[in-house]
Amino acid sequence: MRKTFVREVVVFEEHFKEFRKTLDRETLKKLYQVLTLIMTVEIIPAKFIKAIRGRRGLYEIRIEAASNIYRVFCCFDEGDLVVLFNGFQKKTQKTPTKQIDRAEALMQKYYECKRQHNE
């Protein structure tokens, strides 16, 4: 049966691709399962995506594989577009501010590039 997509997932720059190269086969499989879920379900379960408090428009995709936890930062654009920025393996209880700041800077850069392209 063919899946119907309600969202498109795209990658901004190379940061996500670099992160993806660090993952083992099982983790990659789990990552793609979560991305497929995001593309195909109307309402994404909170288990898999969460807004970053205090960072308007920034979200984290949540992935658990074996006993490891990973996060991929993203934003939603034009309703049905998910833009992936950077990812990392989470090793502490709180998401490191450095990672959030990096993702927020990438999001701002994405919107600036988009604005310049549309002028």
N, C-alpha and C. Protein backbone atom coordinates (compact mmCIF):
# COMPACT_ATOMS: atom_id res chain seq x y z
N MET A 1 0.84 -1.18 0.00
CA MET A 1 0.00 0.00 0.00
C MET A 1 0.88 1.25 0.00
N ARG A 2 0.54 2.21 -0.84
CA ARG A 2 1.30 3.44 -0.96
C ARG A 2 0.92 4.41 0.13
N LYS A 3 1.93 5.05 0.70
CA LYS A 3 1.67 6.05 1.74
C LYS A 3 1.32 7.38 1.11
N THR A 4 0.38 8.09 1.73
CA THR A 4 0.05 9.43 1.30
C THR A 4 0.76 10.41 2.23
N PHE A 5 1.44 11.36 1.64
CA PHE A 5 2.20 12.30 2.45
C PHE A 5 1.40 13.57 2.73
N VAL A 6 1.41 13.99 3.98
CA VAL A 6 0.74 15.24 4.37
C VAL A 6 1.78 16.34 4.58
N ARG A 7 3.04 15.95 4.68
CA ARG A 7 4.14 16.90 4.87
C ARG A 7 5.32 16.47 4.03
N GLU A 8 6.15 17.44 3.70
CA GLU A 8 7.42 17.17 3.03
C GLU A 8 8.54 17.50 4.01
N VAL A 9 9.56 16.67 4.05
CA VAL A 9 10.70 16.91 4.91
C VAL A 9 11.89 17.25 4.03
N VAL A 10 12.53 18.39 4.33
CA VAL A 10 13.71 18.82 3.58
C VAL A 10 14.84 19.12 4.56
N VAL A 11 16.05 19.17 4.04
CA VAL A 11 17.24 19.43 4.85
C VAL A 11 17.81 20.78 4.46
N PHE A 12 18.13 21.60 5.47
CA PHE A 12 18.77 22.89 5.22
C PHE A 12 20.27 22.74 5.47
N GLU A 13 21.05 23.10 4.48
CA GLU A 13 22.51 22.99 4.51
C GLU A 13 22.92 21.55 4.78
N GLU A 14 24.12 21.34 5.31
CA GLU A 14 24.68 19.99 5.44
C GLU A 14 24.70 19.45 6.87
N HIS A 15 24.24 20.23 7.84
CA HIS A 15 24.39 19.84 9.25
C HIS A 15 23.68 18.53 9.59
N PHE A 16 22.46 18.36 9.11
CA PHE A 16 21.72 17.12 9.37
C PHE A 16 22.42 15.94 8.69
N LYS A 17 22.89 16.15 7.48
CA LYS A 17 23.56 15.06 6.75
C LYS A 17 24.83 14.62 7.47
N GLU A 18 25.55 15.57 8.03
CA GLU A 18 26.76 15.23 8.80
C GLU A 18 26.39 14.42 10.05
N PHE A 19 25.33 14.83 10.73
CA PHE A 19 24.85 14.09 11.90
C PHE A 19 24.45 12.67 11.50
N ARG A 20 23.73 12.54 10.42
CA ARG A 20 23.24 11.24 9.94
C ARG A 20 24.39 10.27 9.68
N LYS A 21 25.51 10.78 9.22
CA LYS A 21 26.67 9.92 8.94
C LYS A 21 27.24 9.28 10.20
N THR A 22 26.95 9.84 11.37
CA THR A 22 27.49 9.32 12.62
C THR A 22 26.63 8.18 13.20
N LEU A 23 25.48 7.93 12.61
CA LEU A 23 24.54 6.97 13.17
C LEU A 23 24.76 5.57 12.65
N ASP A 24 24.52 4.56 13.50
CA ASP A 24 24.61 3.18 13.07
C ASP A 24 23.32 2.79 12.32
N ARG A 25 23.34 1.62 11.74
CA ARG A 25 22.23 1.15 10.90
C ARG A 25 20.88 1.13 11.64
N GLU A 26 20.87 0.61 12.86
CA GLU A 26 19.62 0.52 13.64
C GLU A 26 19.06 1.91 13.97
N THR A 27 19.95 2.83 14.33
CA THR A 27 19.52 4.19 14.66
C THR A 27 18.99 4.88 13.41
N LEU A 28 19.67 4.68 12.29
CA LEU A 28 19.19 5.25 11.03
C LEU A 28 17.79 4.74 10.68
N LYS A 29 17.58 3.46 10.88
CA LYS A 29 16.28 2.85 10.62
C LYS A 29 15.20 3.52 11.47
N LYS A 30 15.50 3.71 12.75
CA LYS A 30 14.56 4.36 13.66
C LYS A 30 14.32 5.82 13.25
N LEU A 31 15.39 6.52 12.87
CA LEU A 31 15.26 7.90 12.40
C LEU A 31 14.32 7.98 11.21
N TYR A 32 14.50 7.10 10.24
CA TYR A 32 13.65 7.12 9.05
C TYR A 32 12.21 6.74 9.37
N GLN A 33 12.01 5.86 10.34
CA GLN A 33 10.64 5.52 10.76
C GLN A 33 9.94 6.77 11.33
N VAL A 34 10.66 7.52 12.16
CA VAL A 34 10.08 8.73 12.75
C VAL A 34 9.82 9.78 11.67
N LEU A 35 10.76 9.98 10.75
CA LEU A 35 10.56 10.95 9.67
C LEU A 35 9.38 10.56 8.78
N THR A 36 9.23 9.25 8.52
CA THR A 36 8.09 8.78 7.72
C THR A 36 6.79 9.06 8.46
N LEU A 37 6.77 8.83 9.77
CA LEU A 37 5.59 9.13 10.57
C LEU A 37 5.25 10.62 10.46
N ILE A 38 6.25 11.47 10.58
CA ILE A 38 6.03 12.93 10.48
C ILE A 38 5.45 13.30 9.12
N MET A 39 5.89 12.61 8.08
CA MET A 39 5.40 12.91 6.73
C MET A 39 4.00 12.38 6.47
N THR A 40 3.57 11.36 7.22
CA THR A 40 2.34 10.67 6.84
C THR A 40 1.15 10.85 7.78
N VAL A 41 1.37 11.25 9.03
CA VAL A 41 0.22 11.39 9.93
C VAL A 41 -0.17 12.85 10.08
N GLU A 42 -1.45 13.09 10.18
CA GLU A 42 -1.97 14.45 10.30
C GLU A 42 -1.52 15.10 11.60
N ILE A 43 -1.67 14.38 12.70
CA ILE A 43 -1.28 14.89 14.02
C ILE A 43 -0.11 14.04 14.52
N ILE A 44 1.04 14.66 14.68
CA ILE A 44 2.24 13.95 15.11
C ILE A 44 2.18 13.75 16.62
N PRO A 45 2.32 12.51 17.10
CA PRO A 45 2.31 12.28 18.55
C PRO A 45 3.43 13.05 19.26
N ALA A 46 3.11 13.59 20.43
CA ALA A 46 4.07 14.38 21.21
C ALA A 46 5.32 13.58 21.56
N LYS A 47 5.22 12.27 21.56
CA LYS A 47 6.39 11.43 21.85
C LYS A 47 7.51 11.66 20.83
N PHE A 48 7.14 12.08 19.63
CA PHE A 48 8.11 12.20 18.54
C PHE A 48 8.53 13.62 18.20
N ILE A 49 7.77 14.62 18.65
CA ILE A 49 8.14 16.00 18.33
C ILE A 49 7.69 16.91 19.46
N LYS A 50 8.50 17.91 19.73
CA LYS A 50 8.20 18.81 20.84
C LYS A 50 8.70 20.21 20.51
N ALA A 51 7.89 21.21 20.84
CA ALA A 51 8.32 22.60 20.67
C ALA A 51 9.38 22.92 21.71
N ILE A 52 10.36 23.70 21.33
CA ILE A 52 11.40 24.14 22.26
C ILE A 52 10.89 25.39 22.97
N ARG A 53 10.74 25.30 24.26
CA ARG A 53 10.22 26.43 25.04
C ARG A 53 11.14 27.64 24.93
N GLY A 54 10.52 28.78 24.71
CA GLY A 54 11.28 30.02 24.63
C GLY A 54 11.96 30.24 23.29
N ARG A 55 11.76 29.35 22.34
CA ARG A 55 12.39 29.48 21.01
C ARG A 55 11.29 29.36 19.95
N ARG A 56 10.68 30.45 19.64
CA ARG A 56 9.51 30.47 18.76
C ARG A 56 9.79 29.79 17.40
N GLY A 57 8.97 28.81 17.10
CA GLY A 57 9.04 28.13 15.81
C GLY A 57 10.04 26.98 15.73
N LEU A 58 10.81 26.75 16.79
CA LEU A 58 11.82 25.70 16.78
C LEU A 58 11.28 24.45 17.49
N TYR A 59 11.50 23.29 16.87
CA TYR A 59 11.03 22.02 17.41
C TYR A 59 12.18 21.03 17.46
N GLU A 60 12.00 19.98 18.29
CA GLU A 60 12.96 18.88 18.28
C GLU A 60 12.22 17.59 17.96
N ILE A 61 12.79 16.84 17.03
CA ILE A 61 12.30 15.51 16.71
C ILE A 61 13.02 14.57 17.67
N ARG A 62 12.25 13.69 18.30
CA ARG A 62 12.78 12.84 19.36
C ARG A 62 12.90 11.40 18.87
N ILE A 63 14.11 10.86 19.00
CA ILE A 63 14.37 9.50 18.54
C ILE A 63 15.06 8.72 19.66
N GLU A 64 14.55 7.53 19.92
CA GLU A 64 15.19 6.63 20.87
C GLU A 64 15.55 5.35 20.13
N ALA A 65 16.80 4.96 20.25
CA ALA A 65 17.26 3.74 19.61
C ALA A 65 18.16 3.02 20.59
N ALA A 66 17.84 1.77 20.86
CA ALA A 66 18.53 0.99 21.90
C ALA A 66 18.42 1.79 23.19
N SER A 67 19.53 2.12 23.83
CA SER A 67 19.44 2.91 25.06
C SER A 67 19.91 4.35 24.82
N ASN A 68 19.97 4.74 23.55
CA ASN A 68 20.43 6.08 23.20
C ASN A 68 19.26 6.99 22.82
N ILE A 69 19.47 8.27 23.08
CA ILE A 69 18.46 9.28 22.76
C ILE A 69 19.09 10.29 21.80
N TYR A 70 18.35 10.63 20.75
CA TYR A 70 18.84 11.57 19.75
C TYR A 70 17.79 12.67 19.56
N ARG A 71 18.26 13.83 19.14
CA ARG A 71 17.38 14.95 18.85
C ARG A 71 17.79 15.54 17.51
N VAL A 72 16.78 15.89 16.72
CA VAL A 72 16.99 16.59 15.46
C VAL A 72 16.13 17.85 15.51
N PHE A 73 16.75 19.00 15.32
CA PHE A 73 16.01 20.25 15.36
C PHE A 73 15.41 20.56 14.00
N CYS A 74 14.22 21.18 14.04
CA CYS A 74 13.52 21.49 12.81
C CYS A 74 12.55 22.65 13.03
N CYS A 75 11.97 23.10 11.93
CA CYS A 75 10.86 24.06 12.00
C CYS A 75 9.84 23.65 10.95
N PHE A 76 8.65 24.19 11.09
CA PHE A 76 7.60 23.99 10.10
C PHE A 76 7.53 25.26 9.27
N ASP A 77 7.40 25.11 7.97
CA ASP A 77 7.30 26.27 7.09
C ASP A 77 6.15 26.04 6.13
N GLU A 78 5.36 27.06 5.94
CA GLU A 78 4.23 27.01 5.01
C GLU A 78 3.31 25.82 5.28
N GLY A 79 3.18 25.45 6.54
CA GLY A 79 2.21 24.44 6.94
C GLY A 79 2.61 23.00 6.70
N ASP A 80 3.07 22.67 5.51
CA ASP A 80 3.31 21.25 5.20
C ASP A 80 4.77 20.95 4.87
N LEU A 81 5.67 21.84 5.27
CA LEU A 81 7.08 21.64 5.01
C LEU A 81 7.82 21.58 6.35
N VAL A 82 8.60 20.52 6.55
CA VAL A 82 9.41 20.38 7.76
C VAL A 82 10.86 20.54 7.32
N VAL A 83 11.55 21.51 7.92
CA VAL A 83 12.93 21.80 7.56
C VAL A 83 13.85 21.30 8.68
N LEU A 84 14.72 20.36 8.33
CA LEU A 84 15.66 19.78 9.31
C LEU A 84 16.93 20.61 9.36
N PHE A 85 17.42 20.85 10.59
CA PHE A 85 18.63 21.64 10.76
C PHE A 85 19.80 20.78 11.23
N ASN A 86 19.93 20.56 12.52
CA ASN A 86 21.06 19.80 13.05
C ASN A 86 20.54 18.74 14.02
N GLY A 87 21.38 17.77 14.31
CA GLY A 87 21.00 16.72 15.24
C GLY A 87 22.18 16.37 16.13
N PHE A 88 21.89 15.67 17.21
CA PHE A 88 22.94 15.26 18.14
C PHE A 88 22.43 14.12 19.01
N GLN A 89 23.37 13.42 19.64
CA GLN A 89 23.03 12.39 20.61
C GLN A 89 22.92 13.07 21.97
N LYS A 90 21.79 12.86 22.62
CA LYS A 90 21.54 13.49 23.91
C LYS A 90 22.15 12.63 25.01
N LYS A 91 23.01 13.25 25.82
CA LYS A 91 23.70 12.50 26.87
C LYS A 91 23.39 13.03 28.26
N THR A 92 22.62 14.12 28.33
CA THR A 92 22.25 14.70 29.62
C THR A 92 20.74 14.85 29.68
N GLN A 93 20.22 15.11 30.87
CA GLN A 93 18.77 15.24 31.05
C GLN A 93 18.22 16.42 30.24
N LYS A 94 18.90 17.55 30.32
CA LYS A 94 18.46 18.75 29.60
C LYS A 94 19.15 18.83 28.25
N THR A 95 18.42 19.34 27.27
CA THR A 95 19.02 19.57 25.96
C THR A 95 20.02 20.73 26.11
N PRO A 96 21.27 20.53 25.69
CA PRO A 96 22.27 21.59 25.85
C PRO A 96 21.89 22.88 25.12
N THR A 97 22.02 23.99 25.82
CA THR A 97 21.69 25.31 25.26
C THR A 97 22.49 25.58 23.99
N LYS A 98 23.74 25.12 23.97
CA LYS A 98 24.60 25.31 22.79
C LYS A 98 23.96 24.70 21.54
N GLN A 99 23.38 23.52 21.68
CA GLN A 99 22.72 22.85 20.54
C GLN A 99 21.47 23.62 20.11
N ILE A 100 20.70 24.10 21.08
CA ILE A 100 19.48 24.86 20.77
C ILE A 100 19.85 26.17 20.09
N ASP A 101 20.88 26.85 20.60
CA ASP A 101 21.32 28.12 20.00
C ASP A 101 21.76 27.90 18.55
N ARG A 102 22.47 26.82 18.33
CA ARG A 102 22.93 26.50 16.97
C ARG A 102 21.74 26.29 16.04
N ALA A 103 20.76 25.52 16.50
CA ALA A 103 19.57 25.25 15.70
C ALA A 103 18.79 26.54 15.43
N GLU A 104 18.68 27.39 16.43
CA GLU A 104 17.96 28.65 16.26
C GLU A 104 18.68 29.54 15.24
N ALA A 105 20.00 29.58 15.29
CA ALA A 105 20.77 30.35 14.31
C ALA A 105 20.56 29.80 12.90
N LEU A 106 20.52 28.48 12.76
CA LEU A 106 20.27 27.86 11.46
C LEU A 106 18.86 28.18 10.96
N MET A 107 17.89 28.18 11.88
CA MET A 107 16.52 28.52 11.49
C MET A 107 16.45 29.97 10.99
N GLN A 108 17.10 30.88 11.69
CA GLN A 108 17.11 32.28 11.26
C GLN A 108 17.79 32.43 9.91
N LYS A 109 18.88 31.70 9.71
CA LYS A 109 19.59 31.72 8.43
C LYS A 109 18.69 31.17 7.31
N TYR A 110 17.96 30.11 7.60
CA TYR A 110 17.04 29.52 6.62
C TYR A 110 16.01 30.56 6.16
N TYR A 111 15.37 31.24 7.13
CA TYR A 111 14.36 32.23 6.78
C TYR A 111 14.96 33.43 6.06
N GLU A 112 16.19 33.80 6.41
CA GLU A 112 16.87 34.90 5.71
C GLU A 112 17.17 34.50 4.27
N CYS A 113 17.69 33.29 4.05
CA CYS A 113 17.94 32.79 2.70
C CYS A 113 16.66 32.74 1.87
N LYS A 114 15.59 32.29 2.50
CA LYS A 114 14.30 32.20 1.82
C LYS A 114 13.80 33.59 1.45
N ARG A 115 13.94 34.54 2.37
CA ARG A 115 13.50 35.93 2.12
C ARG A 115 14.30 36.53 0.95
N GLN A 116 15.61 36.33 0.96
CA GLN A 116 16.46 36.87 -0.12
C GLN A 116 16.11 36.22 -1.45
N HIS A 117 15.82 34.95 -1.43
CA HIS A 117 15.46 34.22 -2.66
C HIS A 117 14.15 34.75 -3.25
N ASN A 118 13.22 35.14 -2.39
CA ASN A 118 11.91 35.61 -2.83
C ASN A 118 11.88 37.08 -3.26
N GLU A 119 12.98 37.78 -3.03
CA GLU A 119 13.01 39.22 -3.42
C GLU A 119 13.29 39.40 -4.88
